[in-house]
Protein backbone atom coordinates (compact mmCIF):
# COMPACT_ATOMS: atom_id res chain seq x y z
CA UNK A 1 -109.91 96.20 -32.22
CA UNK A 2 -110.51 98.22 -34.87
CA UNK A 3 -111.55 102.19 -34.94
CA UNK A 4 -111.40 103.35 -37.80
CA UNK A 5 -110.65 107.48 -38.50
CA UNK A 6 -109.60 108.36 -41.68
CA UNK A 7 -105.95 109.52 -40.23
CA UNK A 8 -105.25 105.71 -39.22
CA UNK A 9 -107.25 103.72 -41.98
CA UNK A 10 -105.52 101.15 -42.77
CA UNK A 11 -104.05 100.57 -46.02
CA UNK A 12 -106.11 98.37 -48.15
CA UNK A 13 -105.39 94.83 -47.05
CA UNK A 14 -101.47 93.91 -45.49
CA UNK A 15 -99.23 92.91 -48.38
CA UNK A 16 -99.79 89.33 -46.36
CA UNK A 17 -103.71 88.99 -47.35
CA UNK A 18 -102.91 90.95 -50.58
CA UNK A 19 -100.26 88.19 -51.66
CA UNK A 20 -103.36 85.56 -50.62
CA UNK A 21 -105.68 87.09 -52.84
CA UNK A 22 -103.34 87.07 -55.79
CA UNK A 23 -102.24 83.38 -54.95
CA UNK A 24 -105.41 83.00 -55.07
CA UNK A 25 -106.24 83.50 -58.32
CA UNK A 26 -103.42 82.56 -59.56
CA UNK A 27 -103.30 78.96 -58.71
CA UNK A 28 -107.39 79.30 -59.41
CA UNK A 29 -106.46 80.46 -62.98
CA UNK A 30 -103.29 77.87 -63.60
CA UNK A 31 -105.68 75.18 -62.05
CA UNK A 32 -108.71 75.70 -64.67
CA UNK A 33 -106.03 76.27 -67.61
CA UNK A 34 -104.23 72.76 -66.55
CA UNK A 35 -107.14 71.10 -67.36
CA UNK A 36 -106.65 71.15 -71.55
CA UNK A 37 -105.39 67.95 -72.68
CA UNK A 38 -102.27 70.03 -74.65
CA UNK A 39 -102.46 66.55 -77.50
CA UNK A 40 -106.15 66.51 -78.54
CA UNK A 41 -106.87 70.43 -77.45
CA UNK A 42 -108.04 72.64 -80.49
CA UNK A 43 -108.58 76.48 -80.46
CA UNK A 44 -112.65 75.78 -79.48
CA UNK A 45 -111.11 73.91 -76.38
CA UNK A 46 -108.67 76.76 -75.72
CA UNK A 47 -111.02 79.30 -75.40
CA UNK A 48 -113.35 77.21 -73.65
CA UNK A 49 -111.16 76.58 -71.03
CA UNK A 50 -110.14 80.30 -71.21
CA UNK A 51 -113.38 81.38 -71.10
CA UNK A 52 -113.57 79.29 -68.21
CA UNK A 53 -110.98 80.47 -66.17
CA UNK A 54 -111.62 84.09 -66.73
CA UNK A 55 -115.15 83.30 -65.96
CA UNK A 56 -113.93 80.91 -62.71
CA UNK A 57 -111.88 84.24 -61.67
CA UNK A 58 -114.77 86.80 -61.55
CA UNK A 59 -117.14 84.94 -59.71
CA UNK A 60 -114.73 84.54 -57.10
CA UNK A 61 -113.09 88.05 -57.05
CA UNK A 62 -117.05 89.02 -56.56
CA UNK A 63 -117.75 86.41 -53.62
CA UNK A 64 -114.74 87.40 -52.13
CA UNK A 65 -115.35 91.47 -52.72
CA UNK A 66 -118.80 91.13 -51.63
CA UNK A 67 -117.08 88.84 -47.87
CA UNK A 68 -115.00 91.80 -47.13
CA UNK A 69 -118.37 94.30 -47.02
CA UNK A 70 -119.66 91.68 -44.51
CA UNK A 71 -116.88 90.81 -42.51
CA UNK A 72 -115.98 94.28 -41.92
CA UNK A 73 -119.81 95.42 -41.41
CA UNK A 74 -120.11 92.77 -38.57
CA UNK A 75 -116.46 93.72 -37.27
CA UNK A 76 -117.08 97.59 -37.04
CA UNK A 77 -120.47 96.71 -35.56
CA UNK A 78 -118.77 93.91 -32.86
CA UNK A 79 -116.32 97.08 -32.37
CA UNK A 80 -119.78 99.74 -31.86
CA UNK A 81 -121.31 97.19 -28.95
CA UNK A 82 -118.25 96.96 -27.42
CA UNK A 83 -118.01 100.84 -26.77
CA UNK A 84 -121.40 101.18 -25.80
CA UNK A 85 -120.68 98.15 -23.82
CA UNK A 86 -117.68 99.50 -22.11
CA UNK A 87 -119.61 103.67 -21.53
CA UNK A 88 -122.22 101.38 -19.81
CA UNK A 89 -119.97 99.89 -16.79
CA UNK A 90 -117.35 101.48 -14.18
CA UNK A 91 -113.57 101.88 -15.60
CA UNK A 92 -111.98 98.58 -14.18
CA UNK A 93 -115.19 96.22 -16.01
CA UNK A 94 -114.39 97.96 -19.21
CA UNK A 95 -110.75 97.74 -19.26
CA UNK A 96 -111.39 93.95 -18.52
CA UNK A 97 -113.90 94.16 -21.80
CA UNK A 98 -111.58 96.16 -23.76
CA UNK A 99 -108.70 93.36 -22.46
CA UNK A 100 -110.88 90.95 -23.24
CA UNK A 101 -111.45 92.19 -26.95
CA UNK A 102 -107.40 92.31 -28.26
CA UNK A 103 -105.93 89.48 -29.45
CA UNK A 104 -103.77 87.18 -26.38
CA UNK A 105 -100.41 88.61 -27.61
CA UNK A 106 -101.63 92.24 -27.47
CA UNK A 107 -103.16 91.61 -24.22
CA UNK A 108 -100.49 89.91 -22.70
CA UNK A 109 -98.26 92.82 -23.09
CA UNK A 110 -101.16 95.89 -22.34
CA UNK A 111 -101.02 96.97 -18.73
CA UNK A 112 -103.46 99.37 -16.41
CA UNK A 113 -102.48 102.35 -18.56
CA UNK A 114 -102.58 101.24 -22.07
CA UNK A 115 -105.97 99.75 -21.14
CA UNK A 116 -107.47 103.40 -19.72
CA UNK A 117 -106.05 104.52 -22.86
CA UNK A 118 -107.94 103.10 -25.03
CA UNK A 119 -111.34 103.13 -22.51
CA UNK A 120 -111.07 107.00 -22.85
CA UNK A 121 -111.00 107.20 -26.58
CA UNK A 122 -113.65 104.59 -26.83
CA UNK A 123 -115.72 106.97 -24.59
CA UNK A 124 -115.13 109.80 -27.12
CA UNK A 125 -115.51 107.84 -30.34
CA UNK A 126 -119.30 108.45 -30.12
CA UNK A 127 -119.39 105.07 -32.46
CA UNK A 128 -123.13 105.38 -32.57
CA UNK A 129 -122.40 108.59 -34.36
CA UNK A 130 -120.48 106.65 -36.50
CA UNK A 131 -121.81 104.10 -39.68
CA UNK A 132 -120.87 100.32 -39.93
CA UNK A 133 -119.53 100.92 -43.90
CA UNK A 134 -118.33 103.78 -45.21
CA UNK A 135 -117.61 104.41 -49.08
CA UNK A 136 -113.62 103.21 -48.25
CA UNK A 137 -115.03 100.40 -47.66
CA UNK A 138 -116.35 99.65 -51.40
CA UNK A 139 -113.61 100.97 -53.00
CA UNK A 140 -111.62 98.25 -51.25
CA UNK A 141 -114.28 95.71 -52.02
CA UNK A 142 -113.14 96.60 -55.26
CA UNK A 143 -109.40 96.72 -55.24
CA UNK A 144 -109.87 92.53 -53.56
CA UNK A 145 -111.84 91.90 -56.89
CA UNK A 146 -109.56 93.77 -59.31
CA UNK A 147 -106.70 91.66 -57.46
CA UNK A 148 -108.22 88.00 -57.64
CA UNK A 149 -109.37 88.94 -61.48
CA UNK A 150 -106.35 90.50 -62.45
CA UNK A 151 -104.07 87.24 -61.29
CA UNK A 152 -106.33 84.91 -64.13
CA UNK A 153 -105.02 87.82 -66.76
CA UNK A 154 -101.03 86.53 -66.88
CA UNK A 155 -102.18 82.99 -66.71
CA UNK A 156 -103.73 82.78 -70.21
CA UNK A 157 -102.30 85.43 -71.84
CA UNK A 158 -100.30 82.98 -73.86
CA UNK A 159 -102.99 81.47 -74.78
CA UNK A 160 -104.61 84.39 -76.42
CA UNK A 161 -100.83 85.16 -77.83
CA UNK A 162 -100.29 81.35 -79.86
CA UNK A 163 -102.06 78.78 -81.86
CA UNK A 164 -99.53 76.45 -80.33
CA UNK A 165 -101.35 74.56 -77.45
CA UNK A 166 -98.02 73.31 -75.71
CA UNK A 167 -96.19 76.28 -76.49
CA UNK A 168 -98.63 78.19 -74.67
CA UNK A 169 -99.06 75.95 -71.71
CA UNK A 170 -94.96 75.81 -71.02
CA UNK A 171 -95.29 79.72 -71.11
CA UNK A 172 -98.39 79.60 -68.70
CA UNK A 173 -96.43 77.69 -66.72
CA UNK A 174 -93.41 79.78 -66.92
CA UNK A 175 -95.61 82.59 -65.81
CA UNK A 176 -97.22 80.27 -63.46
CA UNK A 177 -93.69 80.47 -61.34
CA UNK A 178 -92.34 83.54 -61.83
CA UNK A 179 -95.64 84.85 -59.80
CA UNK A 180 -95.13 82.53 -56.88
CA UNK A 181 -91.29 83.25 -57.13
CA UNK A 182 -92.73 86.98 -56.93
CA UNK A 183 -95.14 86.49 -53.95
CA UNK A 184 -92.71 84.77 -52.08
CA UNK A 185 -89.84 87.18 -52.10
CA UNK A 186 -92.35 90.07 -51.47
CA UNK A 187 -93.93 87.62 -48.51
CA UNK A 188 -90.21 87.02 -47.23
CA UNK A 189 -89.14 91.02 -47.27
CA UNK A 190 -92.25 91.91 -45.48
CA UNK A 191 -91.89 89.17 -42.36
CA UNK A 192 -88.10 90.21 -42.04
CA UNK A 193 -86.39 87.39 -43.51
CA UNK A 194 -83.14 87.13 -43.96
CA UNK A 195 -83.19 85.49 -47.41
CA UNK A 196 -86.27 86.28 -48.83
CA UNK A 197 -84.81 84.67 -52.12
CA UNK A 198 -85.48 81.43 -50.33
CA UNK A 199 -88.66 82.20 -49.38
CA UNK A 200 -89.46 82.65 -53.31
CA UNK A 201 -88.37 79.85 -54.09
CA UNK A 202 -89.89 78.27 -51.48
CA UNK A 203 -93.48 79.29 -52.55
CA UNK A 204 -92.60 78.58 -56.03
CA UNK A 205 -91.92 75.02 -55.55
CA UNK A 206 -94.75 74.67 -52.79
CA UNK A 207 -97.22 76.38 -55.40
CA UNK A 208 -95.62 74.11 -57.94
CA UNK A 209 -97.22 70.79 -55.57
CA UNK A 210 -100.22 73.02 -54.77
CA UNK A 211 -101.47 72.71 -58.49
CA UNK A 212 -100.07 69.40 -58.67
CA UNK A 213 -102.40 67.75 -56.27
CA UNK A 214 -105.18 70.10 -56.75
CA UNK A 215 -105.07 68.74 -60.56
CA UNK A 216 -105.04 65.23 -59.26
CA UNK A 217 -107.68 65.78 -57.45
CA UNK A 218 -109.97 67.30 -60.22
CA UNK A 219 -109.90 70.86 -59.23
């Protein structure tokens, strides 16, 4: 249950969501580039596939950004409705409504005093005076778009730097593995694992397997 005050506003996505957005764009790009037949590909084919990889990530970055805005509006409207419902009932019923809206792990440890504090805060927020879409939401959506698109370029740059398709493919694959490792390492540190290097290696191995599966399925 989130209410958007500027003081308590979260950063643009949490680290796991940011990593997932970048990985999504990265895997999308590398599977498209991987469709090149190295032995037969000419410069025209390379340009076509490179443009396809960039165009695909632009499209999916836009979709992700729009869906983020839609999800944000829906969640905020739901929270406003909850606040109105809490204001319309007595204290016991209001605390019950809040408890049902909380995630199960939080609801399990939230006592009457915590729920009452939430209820009083909801009553003081006047949700009907707050818009369901803020300028910052659009900035966050733009950030999501840029993260997905950004993941394309490290994969396609080797094809722009050399006419040797085989060498460019090897460089793209190496860059992909490095990015997968860094993403896994970042995830491991965020999760508090004692050995994030192992998480990085596992992410690189899993990403390589996932890319192989996607390519085998015709992706």
